[in-house]
C-alpha atoms as a PDB file:
ATOM      1  CA  UNK A   1     -81.931  26.404 -59.860  1.00  0.00           C
ATOM      2  CA  UNK A   2     -78.154  25.589 -60.230  1.00  0.00           C
ATOM      3  CA  UNK A   3     -76.020  28.185 -62.030  1.00  0.00           C
ATOM      4  CA  UNK A   4     -73.491  27.183 -64.211  1.00  0.00           C
ATOM      5  CA  UNK A   5     -70.576  28.832 -66.239  1.00  0.00           C
ATOM      6  CA  UNK A   6     -67.799  27.800 -68.727  1.00  0.00           C
ATOM      7  CA  UNK A   7     -64.391  27.939 -67.774  1.00  0.00           C
ATOM      8  CA  UNK A   8     -61.927  28.682 -71.178  1.00  0.00           C
ATOM      9  CA  UNK A   9     -58.342  28.855 -69.950  1.00  0.00           C
ATOM     10  CA  UNK A  10     -55.210  29.958 -71.843  1.00  0.00           C
ATOM     11  CA  UNK A  11     -53.568  26.652 -70.411  1.00  0.00           C
ATOM     12  CA  UNK A  12     -50.167  27.182 -72.167  1.00  0.00           C
ATOM     13  CA  UNK A  13     -48.791  28.968 -69.172  1.00  0.00           C
ATOM     14  CA  UNK A  14     -48.554  27.594 -65.572  1.00  0.00           C
ATOM     15  CA  UNK A  15     -49.472  30.971 -64.099  1.00  0.00           C
ATOM     16  CA  UNK A  16     -52.924  30.784 -66.204  1.00  0.00           C
ATOM     17  CA  UNK A  17     -53.361  27.141 -65.279  1.00  0.00           C
ATOM     18  CA  UNK A  18     -52.987  28.233 -61.578  1.00  0.00           C
ATOM     19  CA  UNK A  19     -55.485  31.350 -61.716  1.00  0.00           C
ATOM     20  CA  UNK A  20     -57.751  29.168 -63.250  1.00  0.00           C
ATOM     21  CA  UNK A  21     -57.624  26.789 -60.388  1.00  0.00           C
ATOM     22  CA  UNK A  22     -58.227  29.527 -58.028  1.00  0.00           C
ATOM     23  CA  UNK A  23     -60.952  31.310 -59.657  1.00  0.00           C
ATOM     24  CA  UNK A  24     -62.656  27.745 -60.396  1.00  0.00           C
ATOM     25  CA  UNK A  25     -62.073  26.402 -56.578  1.00  0.00           C
ATOM     26  CA  UNK A  26     -64.405  30.211 -55.447  1.00  0.00           C
ATOM     27  CA  UNK A  27     -66.736  29.771 -58.041  1.00  0.00           C
ATOM     28  CA  UNK A  28     -67.600  26.631 -56.868  1.00  0.00           C
ATOM     29  CA  UNK A  29     -67.442  27.525 -53.319  1.00  0.00           C
ATOM     30  CA  UNK A  30     -69.998  30.112 -53.962  1.00  0.00           C
ATOM     31  CA  UNK A  31     -72.219  27.435 -55.141  1.00  0.00           C
ATOM     32  CA  UNK A  32     -71.641  27.729 -59.193  1.00  0.00           C
ATOM     33  CA  UNK A  33     -70.826  24.636 -61.246  1.00  0.00           C
ATOM     34  CA  UNK A  34     -68.058  24.887 -63.536  1.00  0.00           C
ATOM     35  CA  UNK A  35     -67.658  23.427 -66.994  1.00  0.00           C
ATOM     36  CA  UNK A  36     -64.364  23.058 -68.744  1.00  0.00           C
ATOM     37  CA  UNK A  37     -63.597  21.863 -72.277  1.00  0.00           C
ATOM     38  CA  UNK A  38     -62.212  18.216 -72.440  1.00  0.00           C
ATOM     39  CA  UNK A  39     -58.952  19.969 -74.374  1.00  0.00           C
ATOM     40  CA  UNK A  40     -57.809  21.789 -71.011  1.00  0.00           C
ATOM     41  CA  UNK A  41     -59.514  19.488 -68.336  1.00  0.00           C
ATOM     42  CA  UNK A  42     -56.106  17.360 -68.273  1.00  0.00           C
ATOM     43  CA  UNK A  43     -54.418  20.698 -67.254  1.00  0.00           C
ATOM     44  CA  UNK A  44     -56.094  21.389 -64.077  1.00  0.00           C
ATOM     45  CA  UNK A  45     -56.851  19.804 -61.247  1.00  0.00           C
ATOM     46  CA  UNK A  46     -60.074  17.234 -60.879  1.00  0.00           C
ATOM     47  CA  UNK A  47     -61.809  19.332 -58.163  1.00  0.00           C
ATOM     48  CA  UNK A  48     -61.736  22.180 -60.106  1.00  0.00           C
ATOM     49  CA  UNK A  49     -64.555  21.247 -62.069  1.00  0.00           C
ATOM     50  CA  UNK A  50     -67.881  19.737 -62.139  1.00  0.00           C
ATOM     51  CA  UNK A  51     -68.201  18.546 -66.061  1.00  0.00           C
ATOM     52  CA  UNK A  52     -65.878  18.377 -68.934  1.00  0.00           C
ATOM     53  CA  UNK A  53     -67.410  18.875 -72.285  1.00  0.00           C
ATOM     54  CA  UNK A  54     -66.497  18.951 -75.693  1.00  0.00           C
ATOM     55  CA  UNK A  55     -66.028  22.097 -78.276  1.00  0.00           C
ATOM     56  CA  UNK A  56     -69.037  22.723 -80.164  1.00  0.00           C
ATOM     57  CA  UNK A  57     -72.623  23.350 -80.412  1.00  0.00           C
ATOM     58  CA  UNK A  58     -73.426  22.220 -76.581  1.00  0.00           C
ATOM     59  CA  UNK A  59     -70.156  23.138 -74.908  1.00  0.00           C
ATOM     60  CA  UNK A  60     -71.621  26.634 -73.478  1.00  0.00           C
ATOM     61  CA  UNK A  61     -75.350  25.451 -73.618  1.00  0.00           C
ATOM     62  CA  UNK A  62     -77.450  26.780 -70.620  1.00  0.00           C
ATOM     63  CA  UNK A  63     -74.715  28.212 -69.100  1.00  0.00           C
ATOM     64  CA  UNK A  64     -74.864  31.710 -67.583  1.00  0.00           C
ATOM     65  CA  UNK A  65     -71.989  32.981 -69.549  1.00  0.00           C
ATOM     66  CA  UNK A  66     -68.545  32.003 -70.237  1.00  0.00           C
ATOM     67  CA  UNK A  67     -65.792  32.865 -68.639  1.00  0.00           C
ATOM     68  CA  UNK A  68     -62.341  33.324 -70.542  1.00  0.00           C
ATOM     69  CA  UNK A  69     -58.797  33.469 -68.334  1.00  0.00           C
ATOM     70  CA  UNK A  70     -56.144  34.402 -71.185  1.00  0.00           C
ATOM     71  CA  UNK A  71     -55.360  37.257 -74.026  1.00  0.00           C
ATOM     72  CA  UNK A  72     -57.769  38.009 -77.257  1.00  0.00           C
ATOM     73  CA  UNK A  73     -56.498  34.879 -78.622  1.00  0.00           C
ATOM     74  CA  UNK A  74     -58.229  32.979 -76.204  1.00  0.00           C
ATOM     75  CA  UNK A  75     -61.524  34.976 -76.108  1.00  0.00           C
ATOM     76  CA  UNK A  76     -61.707  34.720 -79.581  1.00  0.00           C
ATOM     77  CA  UNK A  77     -61.929  30.958 -79.521  1.00  0.00           C
ATOM     78  CA  UNK A  78     -64.097  31.111 -76.392  1.00  0.00           C
ATOM     79  CA  UNK A  79     -66.607  33.723 -78.523  1.00  0.00           C
ATOM     80  CA  UNK A  80     -67.532  30.969 -81.027  1.00  0.00           C
ATOM     81  CA  UNK A  81     -68.507  28.748 -77.917  1.00  0.00           C
ATOM     82  CA  UNK A  82     -70.714  31.722 -76.427  1.00  0.00           C
ATOM     83  CA  UNK A  83     -72.137  32.528 -79.842  1.00  0.00           C
ATOM     84  CA  UNK A  84     -73.459  29.057 -80.563  1.00  0.00           C
ATOM     85  CA  UNK A  85     -75.188  28.908 -76.871  1.00  0.00           C
ATOM     86  CA  UNK A  86     -76.357  32.618 -77.168  1.00  0.00           C
ATOM     87  CA  UNK A  87     -74.775  33.771 -73.844  1.00  0.00           C
ATOM     88  CA  UNK A  88     -72.360  36.441 -72.746  1.00  0.00           C
ATOM     89  CA  UNK A  89     -68.615  36.145 -72.857  1.00  0.00           C
ATOM     90  CA  UNK A  90     -66.334  37.561 -69.963  1.00  0.00           C
ATOM     91  CA  UNK A  91     -62.612  37.957 -70.596  1.00  0.00           C
ATOM     92  CA  UNK A  92     -60.242  38.649 -67.748  1.00  0.00           C
ATOM     93  CA  UNK A  93     -57.043  39.365 -69.509  1.00  0.00           C
ATOM     94  CA  UNK A  94     -53.985  37.546 -68.527  1.00  0.00           C
ATOM     95  CA  UNK A  95     -52.270  38.310 -71.682  1.00  0.00           C
ATOM     96  CA  UNK A  96     -50.832  41.659 -73.357  1.00  0.00           C
ATOM     97  CA  UNK A  97     -53.140  44.116 -74.850  1.00  0.00           C
ATOM     98  CA  UNK A  98     -56.421  42.105 -74.176  1.00  0.00           C
ATOM     99  CA  UNK A  99     -58.507  44.772 -75.767  1.00  0.00           C
ATOM    100  CA  UNK A 100     -61.594  42.836 -75.778  1.00  0.00           C
ATOM    101  CA  UNK A 101     -61.506  41.750 -72.275  1.00  0.00           C
ATOM    102  CA  UNK A 102     -64.005  42.998 -69.628  1.00  0.00           C
ATOM    103  CA  UNK A 103     -61.263  43.033 -66.749  1.00  0.00           C
ATOM    104  CA  UNK A 104     -57.628  43.365 -66.202  1.00  0.00           C
ATOM    105  CA  UNK A 105     -55.934  40.266 -64.173  1.00  0.00           C
ATOM    106  CA  UNK A 106     -55.520  43.304 -61.437  1.00  0.00           C
ATOM    107  CA  UNK A 107     -59.588  43.187 -60.974  1.00  0.00           C
ATOM    108  CA  UNK A 108     -59.999  39.528 -60.706  1.00  0.00           C
ATOM    109  CA  UNK A 109     -61.441  39.238 -57.659  1.00  0.00           C
ATOM    110  CA  UNK A 110     -63.587  42.442 -58.407  1.00  0.00           C
ATOM    111  CA  UNK A 111     -64.523  40.211 -61.585  1.00  0.00           C
ATOM    112  CA  UNK A 112     -65.366  36.962 -59.564  1.00  0.00           C
ATOM    113  CA  UNK A 113     -67.254  38.620 -57.269  1.00  0.00           C
ATOM    114  CA  UNK A 114     -69.657  40.191 -60.110  1.00  0.00           C
ATOM    115  CA  UNK A 115     -69.759  36.870 -61.585  1.00  0.00           C
ATOM    116  CA  UNK A 116     -70.889  35.445 -58.198  1.00  0.00           C
ATOM    117  CA  UNK A 117     -73.499  38.581 -57.703  1.00  0.00           C
ATOM    118  CA  UNK A 118     -74.679  38.689 -61.465  1.00  0.00           C
ATOM    119  CA  UNK A 119     -73.573  42.149 -61.142  1.00  0.00           C
ATOM    120  CA  UNK A 120     -72.073  43.240 -64.685  1.00  0.00           C
ATOM    121  CA  UNK A 121     -72.787  45.171 -67.920  1.00  0.00           C
ATOM    122  CA  UNK A 122     -73.300  43.633 -70.939  1.00  0.00           C
ATOM    123  CA  UNK A 123     -72.426  44.842 -74.471  1.00  0.00           C
ATOM    124  CA  UNK A 124     -73.465  43.551 -77.971  1.00  0.00           C
ATOM    125  CA  UNK A 125     -70.852  43.685 -80.601  1.00  0.00           C
ATOM    126  CA  UNK A 126     -71.630  43.340 -84.257  1.00  0.00           C
ATOM    127  CA  UNK A 127     -70.197  40.359 -86.233  1.00  0.00           C
ATOM    128  CA  UNK A 128     -69.738  39.773 -89.755  1.00  0.00           C
ATOM    129  CA  UNK A 129     -71.254  36.533 -91.830  1.00  0.00           C
ATOM    130  CA  UNK A 130     -68.695  35.364 -94.610  1.00  0.00           C
ATOM    131  CA  UNK A 131     -69.172  33.177 -97.400  1.00  0.00           C
ATOM    132  CA  UNK A 132     -66.669  31.827-100.226  1.00  0.00           C
ATOM    133  CA  UNK A 133     -67.937  30.769-103.648  1.00  0.00           C
ATOM    134  CA  UNK A 134     -66.423  29.582-106.820  1.00  0.00           C
ATOM    135  CA  UNK A 135     -68.673  29.313-110.003  1.00  0.00           C
ATOM    136  CA  UNK A 136     -71.475  29.587-107.853  1.00  0.00           C
ATOM    137  CA  UNK A 137     -70.479  26.666-105.548  1.00  0.00           C
ATOM    138  CA  UNK A 138     -69.884  27.572-101.923  1.00  0.00           C
ATOM    139  CA  UNK A 139     -66.567  26.771-100.437  1.00  0.00           C
ATOM    140  CA  UNK A 140     -66.786  28.038 -97.025  1.00  0.00           C
ATOM    141  CA  UNK A 141     -69.399  29.817 -94.620  1.00  0.00           C
ATOM    142  CA  UNK A 142     -68.519  31.518 -91.590  1.00  0.00           C
ATOM    143  CA  UNK A 143     -68.512  34.163 -89.398  1.00  0.00           C
ATOM    144  CA  UNK A 144     -66.268  36.726 -87.497  1.00  0.00           C
ATOM    145  CA  UNK A 145     -66.051  39.246 -84.502  1.00  0.00           C
ATOM    146  CA  UNK A 146     -63.169  41.049 -85.273  1.00  0.00           C
ATOM    147  CA  UNK A 147     -62.065  40.371 -89.356  1.00  0.00           C
ATOM    148  CA  UNK A 148     -62.619  38.331 -92.077  1.00  0.00           C
ATOM    149  CA  UNK A 149     -59.051  38.400 -93.788  1.00  0.00           C
ATOM    150  CA  UNK A 150     -58.060  37.345 -97.664  1.00  0.00           C
ATOM    151  CA  UNK A 151     -54.695  37.117 -97.539  1.00  0.00           C
ATOM    152  CA  UNK A 152     -51.923  35.608-100.297  1.00  0.00           C
ATOM    153  CA  UNK A 153     -51.460  32.007 -99.195  1.00  0.00           C
ATOM    154  CA  UNK A 154     -47.513  32.139-100.416  1.00  0.00           C
ATOM    155  CA  UNK A 155     -45.180  34.779 -99.179  1.00  0.00           C
ATOM    156  CA  UNK A 156     -43.167  35.340-102.608  1.00  0.00           C
ATOM    157  CA  UNK A 157     -46.733  36.074-104.651  1.00  0.00           C
ATOM    158  CA  UNK A 158     -48.731  39.029-104.909  1.00  0.00           C
ATOM    159  CA  UNK A 159     -52.395  38.754-104.697  1.00  0.00           C
ATOM    160  CA  UNK A 160     -54.339  39.888-107.452  1.00  0.00           C
ATOM    161  CA  UNK A 161     -57.745  41.267-106.417  1.00  0.00           C
ATOM    162  CA  UNK A 162     -60.763  43.403-107.220  1.00  0.00           C
ATOM    163  CA  UNK A 163     -62.664  44.820-104.205  1.00  0.00           C
ATOM    164  CA  UNK A 164     -66.491  45.708-104.719  1.00  0.00           C
ATOM    165  CA  UNK A 165     -69.118  47.651-102.425  1.00  0.00           C
ATOM    166  CA  UNK A 166     -72.730  46.643-102.876  1.00  0.00           C
ATOM    167  CA  UNK A 167     -72.368  45.209-106.589  1.00  0.00           C
ATOM    168  CA  UNK A 168     -70.087  47.739-107.965  1.00  0.00           C
ATOM    169  CA  UNK A 169     -66.003  47.506-108.373  1.00  0.00           C
ATOM    170  CA  UNK A 170     -64.069  49.746-106.153  1.00  0.00           C
ATOM    171  CA  UNK A 171     -60.626  49.174-107.272  1.00  0.00           C
ATOM    172  CA  UNK A 172     -58.295  46.116-108.316  1.00  0.00           C
ATOM    173  CA  UNK A 173     -54.628  46.056-107.456  1.00  0.00           C
ATOM    174  CA  UNK A 174     -52.120  43.510-106.157  1.00  0.00           C
ATOM    175  CA  UNK A 175     -51.433  43.126-102.411  1.00  0.00           C
ATOM    176  CA  UNK A 176     -50.811  40.945 -99.396  1.00  0.00           C
ATOM    177  CA  UNK A 177     -54.474  41.070 -98.860  1.00  0.00           C
ATOM    178  CA  UNK A 178     -57.733  42.647 -97.883  1.00  0.00           C
ATOM    179  CA  UNK A 179     -59.242  42.643 -94.337  1.00  0.00           C
ATOM    180  CA  UNK A 180     -62.917  43.259 -93.929  1.00  0.00           C
ATOM    181  CA  UNK A 181     -63.237  44.259 -90.226  1.00  0.00           C
ATOM    182  CA  UNK A 182     -66.067  45.246 -88.135  1.00  0.00           C
ATOM    183  CA  UNK A 183     -65.764  48.389 -85.656  1.00  0.00           C
ATOM    184  CA  UNK A 184     -64.640  45.819 -82.896  1.00  0.00           C
ATOM    185  CA  UNK A 185     -61.713  44.304 -84.890  1.00  0.00           C
ATOM    186  CA  UNK A 186     -60.419  48.050 -85.930  1.00  0.00           C
ATOM    187  CA  UNK A 187     -58.249  48.058 -82.929  1.00  0.00           C
ATOM    188  CA  UNK A 188     -56.856  44.762 -84.012  1.00  0.00           C
ATOM    189  CA  UNK A 189     -55.299  43.263 -87.322  1.00  0.00           C
ATOM    190  CA  UNK A 190     -57.053  46.205 -89.211  1.00  0.00           C
ATOM    191  CA  UNK A 191     -55.566  48.684 -86.746  1.00  0.00           C
ATOM    192  CA  UNK A 192     -51.928  47.161 -87.612  1.00  0.00           C
ATOM    193  CA  UNK A 193     -52.883  47.173 -91.464  1.00  0.00           C
ATOM    194  CA  UNK A 194     -53.275  50.899 -91.237  1.00  0.00           C
ATOM    195  CA  UNK A 195     -56.968  51.341 -90.506  1.00  0.00           C
ATOM    196  CA  UNK A 196     -58.986  53.343 -88.600  1.00  0.00           C
ATOM    197  CA  UNK A 197     -60.266  53.115 -85.212  1.00  0.00           C
ATOM    198  CA  UNK A 198     -63.972  52.650 -85.321  1.00  0.00           C
ATOM    199  CA  UNK A 199     -65.948  53.576 -81.974  1.00  0.00           C
ATOM    200  CA  UNK A 200     -68.030  50.316 -81.441  1.00  0.00           C
ATOM    201  CA  UNK A 201     -71.586  52.039 -81.489  1.00  0.00           C
ATOM    202  CA  UNK A 202     -70.691  53.076 -85.026  1.00  0.00           C
ATOM    203  CA  UNK A 203     -72.422  50.895 -87.104  1.00  0.00           C
ATOM    204  CA  UNK A 204     -70.345  50.163 -90.138  1.00  0.00           C
ATOM    205  CA  UNK A 205     -68.067  47.773 -92.175  1.00  0.00           C
ATOM    206  CA  UNK A 206     -64.109  48.313 -92.690  1.00  0.00           C
ATOM    207  CA  UNK A 207     -62.141  47.330 -95.462  1.00  0.00           C
ATOM    208  CA  UNK A 208     -58.730  47.298 -95.189  1.00  0.00           C
ATOM    209  CA  UNK A 209     -55.887  46.765 -97.982  1.00  0.00           C
ATOM    210  CA  UNK A 210     -52.685  45.264 -96.783  1.00  0.00           C
ATOM    211  CA  UNK A 211     -49.606  46.445 -98.575  1.00  0.00           C
ATOM    212  CA  UNK A 212     -51.149  47.112-101.825  1.00  0.00           C
ATOM    213  CA  UNK A 213     -49.714  48.322-104.592  1.00  0.00           C
ATOM    214  CA  UNK A 214     -51.778  50.930-106.273  1.00  0.00           C
ATOM    215  CA  UNK A 215     -52.628  54.689-105.892  1.00  0.00           C
ATOM    216  CA  UNK A 216     -56.075  54.321-104.528  1.00  0.00           C
ATOM    217  CA  UNK A 217     -56.098  51.833-102.038  1.00  0.00           C
ATOM    218  CA  UNK A 218     -57.027  53.156 -98.997  1.00  0.00           C
ATOM    219  CA  UNK A 219     -59.513  52.155 -96.063  1.00  0.00           C
ATOM    220  CA  UNK A 220     -62.987  52.427 -96.405  1.00  0.00           C
ATOM    221  CA  UNK A 221     -65.677  52.841 -93.939  1.00  0.00           C
ATOM    222  CA  UNK A 222     -68.974  51.542 -95.562  1.00  0.00           C
ATOM    223  CA  UNK A 223     -72.706  51.142 -94.379  1.00  0.00           C
ATOM    224  CA  UNK A 224     -73.286  48.092 -92.271  1.00  0.00           C
ATOM    225  CA  UNK A 225     -76.113  47.376 -94.957  1.00  0.00           C
ATOM    226  CA  UNK A 226     -73.550  46.981 -97.481  1.00  0.00           C
ATOM    227  CA  UNK A 227     -72.237  43.554 -99.073  1.00  0.00           C
ATOM    228  CA  UNK A 228     -68.144  44.078 -99.591  1.00  0.00           C
ATOM    229  CA  UNK A 229     -66.936  41.358-102.269  1.00  0.00           C
ATOM    230  CA  UNK A 230     -63.261  40.737-102.606  1.00  0.00           C
ATOM    231  CA  UNK A 231     -62.643  38.688-105.929  1.00  0.00           C
ATOM    232  CA  UNK A 232     -59.454  36.873-106.388  1.00  0.00           C
ATOM    233  CA  UNK A 233     -57.841  36.967-109.849  1.00  0.00           C
ATOM    234  CA  UNK A 234     -58.997  33.477-111.958  1.00  0.00           C
ATOM    235  CA  UNK A 235     -55.393  33.747-113.490  1.00  0.00           C
ATOM    236  CA  UNK A 236     -53.482  34.389-110.293  1.00  0.00           C
ATOM    237  CA  UNK A 237     -52.477  32.446-107.136  1.00  0.00           C
ATOM    238  CA  UNK A 238     -54.126  30.798-104.201  1.00  0.00           C
ATOM    239  CA  UNK A 239     -55.222  32.785-101.414  1.00  0.00           C
ATOM    240  CA  UNK A 240     -56.319  31.999 -97.857  1.00  0.00           C
ATOM    241  CA  UNK A 241     -59.330  32.894 -95.735  1.00  0.00           C
ATOM    242  CA  UNK A 242     -58.940  34.090 -92.136  1.00  0.00           C
ATOM    243  CA  UNK A 243     -61.257  34.571 -89.779  1.00  0.00           C
ATOM    244  CA  UNK A 244     -60.239  36.215 -86.061  1.00  0.00           C
ATOM    245  CA  UNK A 245     -57.461  34.102 -86.921  1.00  0.00           C
ATOM    246  CA  UNK A 246     -59.365  31.252 -85.683  1.00  0.00           C
ATOM    247  CA  UNK A 247     -60.942  29.541 -88.729  1.00  0.00           C
ATOM    248  CA  UNK A 248     -58.912  29.088 -92.137  1.00  0.00           C
ATOM    249  CA  UNK A 249     -59.865  28.216 -95.354  1.00  0.00           C
ATOM    250  CA  UNK A 250     -58.215  27.454 -99.040  1.00  0.00           C
ATOM    251  CA  UNK A 251     -59.075  29.593-101.408  1.00  0.00           C
ATOM    252  CA  UNK A 252     -58.334  28.733-105.041  1.00  0.00           C
ATOM    253  CA  UNK A 253     -57.802  31.040-108.043  1.00  0.00           C
ATOM    254  CA  UNK A 254     -61.546  32.625-109.183  1.00  0.00           C
ATOM    255  CA  UNK A 255     -62.835  32.615-105.654  1.00  0.00           C
ATOM    256  CA  UNK A 256     -65.320  35.579-104.034  1.00  0.00           C
ATOM    257  CA  UNK A 257     -65.541  36.253-100.682  1.00  0.00           C
ATOM    258  CA  UNK A 258     -68.642  37.810 -99.748  1.00  0.00           C
ATOM    259  CA  UNK A 259     -68.815  39.883 -96.143  1.00  0.00           C
ATOM    260  CA  UNK A 260     -72.214  41.222 -94.767  1.00  0.00           C
ATOM    261  CA  UNK A 261     -73.315  42.395 -90.900  1.00  0.00           C
ATOM    262  CA  UNK A 262     -74.383  39.411 -89.160  1.00  0.00           C
ATOM    263  CA  UNK A 263     -77.686  39.094 -87.642  1.00  0.00           C
ATOM    264  CA  UNK A 264     -76.281  37.563 -84.057  1.00  0.00           C
ATOM    265  CA  UNK A 265     -74.357  40.153 -82.151  1.00  0.00           C
ATOM    266  CA  UNK A 266     -71.600  38.960 -79.864  1.00  0.00           C
ATOM    267  CA  UNK A 267     -72.279  39.447 -76.053  1.00  0.00           C
ATOM    268  CA  UNK A 268     -69.208  40.851 -74.521  1.00  0.00           C
ATOM    269  CA  UNK A 269     -69.726  41.348 -70.630  1.00  0.00           C
ATOM    270  CA  UNK A 270     -68.172  44.450 -68.820  1.00  0.00           C
ATOM    271  CA  UNK A 271     -67.065  44.986 -65.124  1.00  0.00           C
ATOM    272  CA  UNK A 272     -68.203  48.511 -65.546  1.00  0.00           C
ATOM    273  CA  UNK A 273     -69.863  50.715 -68.237  1.00  0.00           C
ATOM    274  CA  UNK A 274     -66.497  52.717 -69.081  1.00  0.00           C
ATOM    275  CA  UNK A 275     -66.530  55.089 -72.146  1.00  0.00           C
ATOM    276  CA  UNK A 276     -64.325  53.240 -75.025  1.00  0.00           C
ATOM    277  CA  UNK A 277     -62.434  56.460 -75.131  1.00  0.00           C
ATOM    278  CA  UNK A 278     -60.817  55.727 -71.775  1.00  0.00           C
ATOM    279  CA  UNK A 279     -60.269  51.983 -72.797  1.00  0.00           C
ATOM    280  CA  UNK A 280     -58.527  53.208 -75.772  1.00  0.00           C
ATOM    281  CA  UNK A 281     -56.415  55.697 -74.073  1.00  0.00           C
ATOM    282  CA  UNK A 282     -55.517  53.006 -71.595  1.00  0.00           C
ATOM    283  CA  UNK A 283     -55.251  49.999 -73.187  1.00  0.00           C
ATOM    284  CA  UNK A 284     -52.915  52.024 -76.142  1.00  0.00           C
ATOM    285  CA  UNK A 285     -51.422  53.831 -73.362  1.00  0.00           C
ATOM    286  CA  UNK A 286     -51.879  57.197 -75.739  1.00  0.00           C
ATOM    287  CA  UNK A 287     -50.247  60.404 -74.345  1.00  0.00           C
ATOM    288  CA  UNK A 288     -53.449  63.094 -73.006  1.00  0.00           C
ATOM    289  CA  UNK A 289     -50.938  64.968 -71.090  1.00  0.00           C
ATOM    290  CA  UNK A 290     -52.290  68.747 -71.259  1.00  0.00           C
ATOM    291  CA  UNK A 291     -55.660  67.783 -71.635  1.00  0.00           C
ATOM    292  CA  UNK A 292     -57.672  70.249 -69.574  1.00  0.00           C
ATOM    293  CA  UNK A 293     -61.497  69.562 -71.164  1.00  0.00           C
ATOM    294  CA  UNK A 294     -63.956  71.793 -71.929  1.00  0.00           C
ATOM    295  CA  UNK A 295     -64.058  75.232 -71.067  1.00  0.00           C
ATOM    296  CA  UNK A 296     -66.503  75.654 -67.994  1.00  0.00           C
ATOM    297  CA  UNK A 297     -68.239  79.144 -66.902  1.00  0.00           C
END
């Protein structure tokens, strides 16, 4: 049976394009078939792929994995295709932080060898299902790996919201927005908004207000089984629902956004079963000088 991968590339940089052509050549040389997306194919040499596919539910269907060359934004774009096909996504970081990537650019050869040999580790990451409603009518139904954010649509305006957990109101305040994040997203937008870092194996949802005008507007960590809702003041202003910075929906005053843990996790490929603590220290360049470790007898 012929093995096949979907290659997703940030083609906005020539270095990435040249790297993608090298990667594709090595995979094809090892006997694998390579698919590329229709929007990216014109930037690549025709001998770098076996098949061109349209983005959508069938883009990654039947592949072994989705291989991503780029940063976290490219991986989040590819995650939609991988999730639809229920295949793992393997990111090789060619961007800056690349927290979601399974390997950095200096380990590219090792990453390719792992793909060819089928020698890699797969983690399951929690996702969230997101529904926006108005007067019982569904305005949007989508998902997120990192976070769903409800934010003001105009820079000059304040967004008035009520945050609810499990059918009970928690607090009302004016703000720039409210983020509902997974543990995976705790090192992304939620972190920038002042939320805590949550280890991926912790099954929980984060609620992080952004620039809230209130005494009680601290980040919340709630159960995976909880339903988190953000209600927009019906006499207030329009808002925007954004999921992973990839999918955006306009929200009118009075809209309600509900977030629950998803039934379908996303599968992320790692080269090694590295502790999250070590990745955190490495990616954020945290100072650990002076650490002596547990006392030994």
